Full PDB file with SEQRES, HELIX, SHEET, SSBOND, CRYST1, ORIGX, SCALE, CONECT and MASTER records, all heavy atoms in Angstrom:
SEQRES   1 A   31  GLY LEU HIS LEU GLU ASP LEU VAL ASP ARG ALA LEU ALA          
SEQRES   2 A   31  THR PRO VAL PHE SER ALA LEU PRO ARG TYR PRO ASP VAL          
SEQRES   3 A   31  THR ARG ASP VAL ALA                                          
HELIX    1 AA1 LEU A    4  LEU A   12  1                                   9    
CRYST1    1.000    1.000    1.000  90.00  90.00  90.00 P 1           1          
ORIGX1      1.000000  0.000000  0.000000        0.00000                         
ORIGX2      0.000000  1.000000  0.000000        0.00000                         
ORIGX3      0.000000  0.000000  1.000000        0.00000                         
SCALE1      1.000000  0.000000  0.000000        0.00000                         
SCALE2      0.000000  1.000000  0.000000        0.00000                         
SCALE3      0.000000  0.000000  1.000000        0.00000                         
ATOM      1  N   GLY A   1     101.994  91.887  92.279  1.00  0.00           N  
ATOM      2  CA  GLY A   1     103.334  92.295  92.602  1.00  0.00           C  
ATOM      3  C   GLY A   1     103.295  93.286  93.784  1.00  0.00           C  
ATOM      4  O   GLY A   1     102.332  94.012  93.940  1.00  0.00           O  
ATOM      5  N   LEU A   2     104.287  93.212  94.639  1.00  0.00           N  
ATOM      6  CA  LEU A   2     104.342  94.046  95.795  1.00  0.00           C  
ATOM      7  C   LEU A   2     105.756  94.610  95.916  1.00  0.00           C  
ATOM      8  O   LEU A   2     106.733  93.901  95.911  1.00  0.00           O  
ATOM      9  CB  LEU A   2     103.988  93.254  97.010  1.00  0.00           C  
ATOM     10  CG  LEU A   2     103.823  93.978  98.335  1.00  0.00           C  
ATOM     11  CD1 LEU A   2     102.669  94.973  98.233  1.00  0.00           C  
ATOM     12  CD2 LEU A   2     103.553  93.010  99.459  1.00  0.00           C  
ATOM     13  N   HIS A   3     105.860  95.932  95.924  1.00  0.00           N  
ATOM     14  CA  HIS A   3     107.157  96.611  96.044  1.00  0.00           C  
ATOM     15  C   HIS A   3     107.337  96.996  97.502  1.00  0.00           C  
ATOM     16  O   HIS A   3     106.863  98.032  97.938  1.00  0.00           O  
ATOM     17  CB  HIS A   3     107.192  97.843  95.079  1.00  0.00           C  
ATOM     18  CG  HIS A   3     108.543  98.274  94.810  1.00  0.00           C  
ATOM     19  ND1 HIS A   3     109.122  99.327  95.475  1.00  0.00           N  
ATOM     20  CD2 HIS A   3     109.514  97.791  93.973  1.00  0.00           C  
ATOM     21  CE1 HIS A   3     110.327  99.501  95.006  1.00  0.00           C  
ATOM     22  NE2 HIS A   3     110.603  98.574  94.088  1.00  0.00           N  
ATOM     23  N   LEU A   4     108.090  96.192  98.223  1.00  0.00           N  
ATOM     24  CA  LEU A   4     108.269  96.415  99.660  1.00  0.00           C  
ATOM     25  C   LEU A   4     108.963  97.690 100.011  1.00  0.00           C  
ATOM     26  O   LEU A   4     108.685  98.315 101.062  1.00  0.00           O  
ATOM     27  CB  LEU A   4     108.959  95.201 100.280  1.00  0.00           C  
ATOM     28  CG  LEU A   4     108.150  93.889 100.310  1.00  0.00           C  
ATOM     29  CD1 LEU A   4     108.991  92.782 100.892  1.00  0.00           C  
ATOM     30  CD2 LEU A   4     106.875  94.090 101.147  1.00  0.00           C  
ATOM     31  N   GLU A   5     109.893  98.131  99.187  1.00  0.00           N  
ATOM     32  CA  GLU A   5     110.597  99.383  99.486  1.00  0.00           C  
ATOM     33  C   GLU A   5     109.654 100.555  99.634  1.00  0.00           C  
ATOM     34  O   GLU A   5     109.819 101.385 100.535  1.00  0.00           O  
ATOM     35  CB  GLU A   5     111.638  99.700  98.401  1.00  0.00           C  
ATOM     36  CG  GLU A   5     112.971  98.964  98.593  1.00  0.00           C  
ATOM     37  CD  GLU A   5     113.988  99.421  97.577  1.00  0.00           C  
ATOM     38  OE1 GLU A   5     113.974 100.601  97.152  1.00  0.00           O  
ATOM     39  OE2 GLU A   5     114.812  98.561  97.227  1.00  0.00           O  
ATOM     40  N   ASP A   6     108.650 100.648  98.755  1.00  0.00           N  
ATOM     41  CA  ASP A   6     107.691 101.715  98.827  1.00  0.00           C  
ATOM     42  C   ASP A   6     106.880 101.660 100.115  1.00  0.00           C  
ATOM     43  O   ASP A   6     106.606 102.661 100.741  1.00  0.00           O  
ATOM     44  CB  ASP A   6     106.765 101.714  97.597  1.00  0.00           C  
ATOM     45  CG  ASP A   6     107.451 102.127  96.314  1.00  0.00           C  
ATOM     46  OD1 ASP A   6     108.513 102.778  96.410  1.00  0.00           O  
ATOM     47  OD2 ASP A   6     106.885 101.849  95.259  1.00  0.00           O  
ATOM     48  N   LEU A   7     106.497 100.443 100.501  1.00  0.00           N  
ATOM     49  CA  LEU A   7     105.730 100.298 101.741  1.00  0.00           C  
ATOM     50  C   LEU A   7     106.535 100.655 102.943  1.00  0.00           C  
ATOM     51  O   LEU A   7     106.044 101.330 103.876  1.00  0.00           O  
ATOM     52  CB  LEU A   7     105.200  98.873 101.850  1.00  0.00           C  
ATOM     53  CG  LEU A   7     104.118  98.441 100.858  1.00  0.00           C  
ATOM     54  CD1 LEU A   7     103.822  96.967 101.019  1.00  0.00           C  
ATOM     55  CD2 LEU A   7     102.864  99.272 101.112  1.00  0.00           C  
ATOM     56  N   VAL A   8     107.786 100.277 102.985  1.00  0.00           N  
ATOM     57  CA  VAL A   8     108.648 100.576 104.129  1.00  0.00           C  
ATOM     58  C   VAL A   8     108.890 102.097 104.187  1.00  0.00           C  
ATOM     59  O   VAL A   8     108.821 102.670 105.270  1.00  0.00           O  
ATOM     60  CB  VAL A   8     109.991  99.801 103.997  1.00  0.00           C  
ATOM     61  CG1 VAL A   8     110.991 100.341 105.045  1.00  0.00           C  
ATOM     62  CG2 VAL A   8     109.754  98.335 104.196  1.00  0.00           C  
ATOM     63  N   ASP A   9     109.137 102.721 103.018  1.00  0.00           N  
ATOM     64  CA  ASP A   9     109.369 104.158 103.002  1.00  0.00           C  
ATOM     65  C   ASP A   9     108.172 104.924 103.555  1.00  0.00           C  
ATOM     66  O   ASP A   9     108.283 105.860 104.337  1.00  0.00           O  
ATOM     67  CB  ASP A   9     109.643 104.675 101.598  1.00  0.00           C  
ATOM     68  CG  ASP A   9     111.038 104.246 101.102  1.00  0.00           C  
ATOM     69  OD1 ASP A   9     111.843 103.833 101.938  1.00  0.00           O  
ATOM     70  OD2 ASP A   9     111.242 104.293  99.886  1.00  0.00           O  
ATOM     71  N   ARG A  10     106.974 104.486 103.160  1.00  0.00           N  
ATOM     72  CA  ARG A  10     105.724 105.146 103.647  1.00  0.00           C  
ATOM     73  C   ARG A  10     105.532 104.881 105.130  1.00  0.00           C  
ATOM     74  O   ARG A  10     105.041 105.745 105.871  1.00  0.00           O  
ATOM     75  CB  ARG A  10     104.545 104.685 102.901  1.00  0.00           C  
ATOM     76  CG  ARG A  10     104.513 105.269 101.491  1.00  0.00           C  
ATOM     77  CD  ARG A  10     103.289 104.779 100.720  1.00  0.00           C  
ATOM     78  NE  ARG A  10     103.353 105.176  99.341  1.00  0.00           N  
ATOM     79  CZ  ARG A  10     102.590 106.080  98.800  1.00  0.00           C  
ATOM     80  NH1 ARG A  10     101.701 106.680  99.552  1.00  0.00           N  
ATOM     81  NH2 ARG A  10     102.702 106.421  97.533  1.00  0.00           N  
ATOM     82  N   ALA A  11     105.828 103.694 105.605  1.00  0.00           N  
ATOM     83  CA  ALA A  11     105.630 103.340 107.017  1.00  0.00           C  
ATOM     84  C   ALA A  11     106.585 104.124 107.883  1.00  0.00           C  
ATOM     85  O   ALA A  11     106.234 104.487 109.048  1.00  0.00           O  
ATOM     86  CB  ALA A  11     105.814 101.850 107.200  1.00  0.00           C  
ATOM     87  N   LEU A  12     107.783 104.451 107.424  1.00  0.00           N  
ATOM     88  CA  LEU A  12     108.771 105.125 108.201  1.00  0.00           C  
ATOM     89  C   LEU A  12     108.693 106.643 108.072  1.00  0.00           C  
ATOM     90  O   LEU A  12     109.350 107.373 108.810  1.00  0.00           O  
ATOM     91  CB  LEU A  12     110.193 104.667 107.815  1.00  0.00           C  
ATOM     92  CG  LEU A  12     110.488 103.211 108.094  1.00  0.00           C  
ATOM     93  CD1 LEU A  12     111.848 102.834 107.558  1.00  0.00           C  
ATOM     94  CD2 LEU A  12     110.333 102.871 109.588  1.00  0.00           C  
ATOM     95  N   ALA A  13     107.901 107.161 107.189  1.00  0.00           N  
ATOM     96  CA  ALA A  13     107.761 108.575 107.004  1.00  0.00           C  
ATOM     97  C   ALA A  13     107.136 109.233 108.198  1.00  0.00           C  
ATOM     98  O   ALA A  13     106.241 108.713 108.870  1.00  0.00           O  
ATOM     99  CB  ALA A  13     106.904 108.910 105.768  1.00  0.00           C  
ATOM    100  N   THR A  14     107.634 110.398 108.543  1.00  0.00           N  
ATOM    101  CA  THR A  14     107.095 111.148 109.718  1.00  0.00           C  
ATOM    102  C   THR A  14     105.816 111.832 109.293  1.00  0.00           C  
ATOM    103  O   THR A  14     105.818 112.607 108.307  1.00  0.00           O  
ATOM    104  CB  THR A  14     108.141 112.220 110.170  1.00  0.00           C  
ATOM    105  OG1 THR A  14     109.356 111.558 110.470  1.00  0.00           O  
ATOM    106  CG2 THR A  14     107.638 112.930 111.367  1.00  0.00           C  
ATOM    107  N   PRO A  15     104.736 111.630 110.018  1.00  0.00           N  
ATOM    108  CA  PRO A  15     103.509 112.312 109.671  1.00  0.00           C  
ATOM    109  C   PRO A  15     103.647 113.807 109.858  1.00  0.00           C  
ATOM    110  O   PRO A  15     104.321 114.279 110.748  1.00  0.00           O  
ATOM    111  CB  PRO A  15     102.468 111.738 110.620  1.00  0.00           C  
ATOM    112  CG  PRO A  15     103.197 110.852 111.570  1.00  0.00           C  
ATOM    113  CD  PRO A  15     104.600 110.775 111.136  1.00  0.00           C  
ATOM    114  N   VAL A  16     103.004 114.550 108.955  1.00  0.00           N  
ATOM    115  CA  VAL A  16     103.060 116.040 109.037  1.00  0.00           C  
ATOM    116  C   VAL A  16     101.688 116.522 109.543  1.00  0.00           C  
ATOM    117  O   VAL A  16     100.649 116.149 108.983  1.00  0.00           O  
ATOM    118  CB  VAL A  16     103.345 116.612 107.628  1.00  0.00           C  
ATOM    119  CG1 VAL A  16     103.350 118.137 107.710  1.00  0.00           C  
ATOM    120  CG2 VAL A  16     104.700 116.094 107.146  1.00  0.00           C  
ATOM    121  N   PHE A  17     101.738 117.299 110.582  1.00  0.00           N  
ATOM    122  CA  PHE A  17     100.514 117.852 111.155  1.00  0.00           C  
ATOM    123  C   PHE A  17     100.558 119.340 111.065  1.00  0.00           C  
ATOM    124  O   PHE A  17     101.601 119.976 111.159  1.00  0.00           O  
ATOM    125  CB  PHE A  17     100.352 117.417 112.622  1.00  0.00           C  
ATOM    126  CG  PHE A  17     100.229 115.956 112.809  1.00  0.00           C  
ATOM    127  CD1 PHE A  17     101.329 115.182 113.180  1.00  0.00           C  
ATOM    128  CD2 PHE A  17      99.025 115.338 112.664  1.00  0.00           C  
ATOM    129  CE1 PHE A  17     101.209 113.820 113.324  1.00  0.00           C  
ATOM    130  CE2 PHE A  17      98.889 113.991 112.835  1.00  0.00           C  
ATOM    131  CZ  PHE A  17     100.002 113.218 113.166  1.00  0.00           C  
ATOM    132  N   SER A  18      99.416 119.941 110.885  1.00  0.00           N  
ATOM    133  CA  SER A  18      99.345 121.404 110.922  1.00  0.00           C  
ATOM    134  C   SER A  18      98.263 121.760 111.942  1.00  0.00           C  
ATOM    135  O   SER A  18      97.277 121.066 112.151  1.00  0.00           O  
ATOM    136  CB  SER A  18      99.037 121.954 109.541  1.00  0.00           C  
ATOM    137  OG  SER A  18      97.808 121.471 109.073  1.00  0.00           O  
ATOM    138  N   ALA A  19      98.455 122.919 112.515  1.00  0.00           N  
ATOM    139  CA  ALA A  19      97.523 123.407 113.557  1.00  0.00           C  
ATOM    140  C   ALA A  19      96.147 123.691 112.929  1.00  0.00           C  
ATOM    141  O   ALA A  19      96.069 124.061 111.749  1.00  0.00           O  
ATOM    142  CB  ALA A  19      98.091 124.620 114.226  1.00  0.00           C  
ATOM    143  N   LEU A  20      95.138 123.584 113.697  1.00  0.00           N  
ATOM    144  CA  LEU A  20      93.824 123.983 113.198  1.00  0.00           C  
ATOM    145  C   LEU A  20      93.790 125.462 113.000  1.00  0.00           C  
ATOM    146  O   LEU A  20      94.439 126.242 113.717  1.00  0.00           O  
ATOM    147  CB  LEU A  20      92.741 123.598 114.256  1.00  0.00           C  
ATOM    148  CG  LEU A  20      92.490 122.098 114.407  1.00  0.00           C  
ATOM    149  CD1 LEU A  20      91.541 121.826 115.564  1.00  0.00           C  
ATOM    150  CD2 LEU A  20      91.932 121.472 113.133  1.00  0.00           C  
ATOM    151  N   PRO A  21      93.061 125.907 112.004  1.00  0.00           N  
ATOM    152  CA  PRO A  21      93.011 127.366 111.712  1.00  0.00           C  
ATOM    153  C   PRO A  21      92.443 128.151 112.911  1.00  0.00           C  
ATOM    154  O   PRO A  21      91.510 127.697 113.573  1.00  0.00           O  
ATOM    155  CB  PRO A  21      92.065 127.497 110.514  1.00  0.00           C  
ATOM    156  CG  PRO A  21      91.926 126.115 109.946  1.00  0.00           C  
ATOM    157  CD  PRO A  21      92.238 125.145 111.070  1.00  0.00           C  
ATOM    158  N   ARG A  22      93.024 129.302 113.130  1.00  0.00           N  
ATOM    159  CA  ARG A  22      92.591 130.126 114.260  1.00  0.00           C  
ATOM    160  C   ARG A  22      91.403 131.014 113.888  1.00  0.00           C  
ATOM    161  O   ARG A  22      90.575 131.375 114.738  1.00  0.00           O  
ATOM    162  CB  ARG A  22      93.762 130.990 114.673  1.00  0.00           C  
ATOM    163  CG  ARG A  22      93.515 131.753 115.923  1.00  0.00           C  
ATOM    164  CD  ARG A  22      94.767 132.501 116.316  1.00  0.00           C  
ATOM    165  NE  ARG A  22      94.504 133.096 117.627  1.00  0.00           N  
ATOM    166  CZ  ARG A  22      95.391 133.364 118.523  1.00  0.00           C  
ATOM    167  NH1 ARG A  22      96.631 133.100 118.276  1.00  0.00           N  
ATOM    168  NH2 ARG A  22      95.056 133.926 119.656  1.00  0.00           N  
ATOM    169  N   TYR A  23      91.345 131.402 112.611  1.00  0.00           N  
ATOM    170  CA  TYR A  23      90.301 132.318 112.158  1.00  0.00           C  
ATOM    171  C   TYR A  23      89.352 131.567 111.214  1.00  0.00           C  
ATOM    172  O   TYR A  23      89.760 130.668 110.459  1.00  0.00           O  
ATOM    173  CB  TYR A  23      90.918 133.504 111.475  1.00  0.00           C  
ATOM    174  CG  TYR A  23      91.829 134.268 112.411  1.00  0.00           C  
ATOM    175  CD1 TYR A  23      93.200 134.137 112.380  1.00  0.00           C  
ATOM    176  CD2 TYR A  23      91.298 135.075 113.417  1.00  0.00           C  
ATOM    177  CE1 TYR A  23      94.029 134.773 113.246  1.00  0.00           C  
ATOM    178  CE2 TYR A  23      92.126 135.748 114.334  1.00  0.00           C  
ATOM    179  CZ  TYR A  23      93.487 135.567 114.219  1.00  0.00           C  
ATOM    180  OH  TYR A  23      94.305 136.238 115.134  1.00  0.00           O  
ATOM    181  N   PRO A  24      88.088 131.949 111.177  1.00  0.00           N  
ATOM    182  CA  PRO A  24      87.113 131.264 110.368  1.00  0.00           C  
ATOM    183  C   PRO A  24      87.283 131.560 108.862  1.00  0.00           C  
ATOM    184  O   PRO A  24      87.852 132.552 108.481  1.00  0.00           O  
ATOM    185  CB  PRO A  24      85.777 131.825 110.855  1.00  0.00           C  
ATOM    186  CG  PRO A  24      86.093 133.212 111.347  1.00  0.00           C  
ATOM    187  CD  PRO A  24      87.479 133.112 111.939  1.00  0.00           C  
ATOM    188  N   ASP A  25      86.803 130.568 108.072  1.00  0.00           N  
ATOM    189  CA  ASP A  25      86.833 130.784 106.626  1.00  0.00           C  
ATOM    190  C   ASP A  25      85.453 131.321 106.190  1.00  0.00           C  
ATOM    191  O   ASP A  25      84.513 131.246 106.959  1.00  0.00           O  
ATOM    192  CB  ASP A  25      87.209 129.536 105.901  1.00  0.00           C  
ATOM    193  CG  ASP A  25      86.182 128.409 105.991  1.00  0.00           C  
ATOM    194  OD1 ASP A  25      85.251 128.507 106.799  1.00  0.00           O  
ATOM    195  OD2 ASP A  25      86.342 127.402 105.277  1.00  0.00           O  
ATOM    196  N   VAL A  26      85.439 131.840 104.979  1.00  0.00           N  
ATOM    197  CA  VAL A  26      84.203 132.359 104.392  1.00  0.00           C  
ATOM    198  C   VAL A  26      84.097 131.714 103.011  1.00  0.00           C  
ATOM    199  O   VAL A  26      85.051 131.692 102.255  1.00  0.00           O  
ATOM    200  CB  VAL A  26      84.276 133.887 104.236  1.00  0.00           C  
ATOM    201  CG1 VAL A  26      82.969 134.384 103.598  1.00  0.00           C  
ATOM    202  CG2 VAL A  26      84.489 134.528 105.621  1.00  0.00           C  
ATOM    203  N   THR A  27      82.941 131.134 102.709  1.00  0.00           N  
ATOM    204  CA  THR A  27      82.774 130.523 101.368  1.00  0.00           C  
ATOM    205  C   THR A  27      81.812 131.365 100.531  1.00  0.00           C  
ATOM    206  O   THR A  27      80.872 131.984 101.045  1.00  0.00           O  
ATOM    207  CB  THR A  27      82.260 129.095 101.444  1.00  0.00           C  
ATOM    208  OG1 THR A  27      80.980 129.092 102.124  1.00  0.00           O  
ATOM    209  CG2 THR A  27      83.209 128.201 102.166  1.00  0.00           C  
ATOM    210  N   ARG A  28      82.067 131.395  99.246  1.00  0.00           N  
ATOM    211  CA  ARG A  28      81.213 131.986  98.263  1.00  0.00           C  
ATOM    212  C   ARG A  28      81.078 131.046  97.093  1.00  0.00           C  
ATOM    213  O   ARG A  28      82.058 130.439  96.662  1.00  0.00           O  
ATOM    214  CB  ARG A  28      81.817 133.327  97.745  1.00  0.00           C  
ATOM    215  CG  ARG A  28      81.911 134.416  98.746  1.00  0.00           C  
ATOM    216  CD  ARG A  28      80.536 135.036  99.017  1.00  0.00           C  
ATOM    217  NE  ARG A  28      80.625 136.179  99.888  1.00  0.00           N  
ATOM    218  CZ  ARG A  28      80.594 136.113 101.228  1.00  0.00           C  
ATOM    219  NH1 ARG A  28      80.525 134.973 101.811  1.00  0.00           N  
ATOM    220  NH2 ARG A  28      80.661 137.195 101.967  1.00  0.00           N  
ATOM    221  N   ASP A  29      79.895 130.892  96.581  1.00  0.00           N  
ATOM    222  CA  ASP A  29      79.648 130.076  95.409  1.00  0.00           C  
ATOM    223  C   ASP A  29      79.184 130.945  94.264  1.00  0.00           C  
ATOM    224  O   ASP A  29      78.538 131.985  94.438  1.00  0.00           O  
ATOM    225  CB  ASP A  29      78.514 129.059  95.673  1.00  0.00           C  
ATOM    226  CG  ASP A  29      78.888 128.020  96.753  1.00  0.00           C  
ATOM    227  OD1 ASP A  29      80.065 127.897  97.010  1.00  0.00           O  
ATOM    228  OD2 ASP A  29      77.973 127.323  97.239  1.00  0.00           O  
ATOM    229  N   VAL A  30      79.530 130.511  93.060  1.00  0.00           N  
ATOM    230  CA  VAL A  30      79.074 131.199  91.853  1.00  0.00           C  
ATOM    231  C   VAL A  30      78.952 130.137  90.765  1.00  0.00           C  
ATOM    232  O   VAL A  30      79.731 129.210  90.693  1.00  0.00           O  
ATOM    233  CB  VAL A  30      79.996 132.336  91.424  1.00  0.00           C  
ATOM    234  CG1 VAL A  30      81.357 131.845  90.967  1.00  0.00           C  
ATOM    235  CG2 VAL A  30      79.387 133.228  90.370  1.00  0.00           C  
ATOM    236  N   ALA A  31      77.945 130.289  89.916  1.00  0.00           N  
ATOM    237  CA  ALA A  31      77.781 129.432  88.756  1.00  0.00           C  
ATOM    238  C   ALA A  31      78.007 130.275  87.524  1.00  0.00           C  
ATOM    239  O   ALA A  31      77.378 131.330  87.345  1.00  0.00           O  
ATOM    240  CB  ALA A  31      76.394 128.789  88.717  1.00  0.00           C  
TER     241      ALA A  31                                                      
MASTER        0    0    0    1    0    0    0    6  240    1    0    3          
END                                                                             
């Protein structure tokens, strides 16, 4: 089965973009 309304809605959706981070991240691991 194929629900075309869902495909059309997704195809017409405006992509959302965000700027790349300006400042670096820091990672920490813990177990």
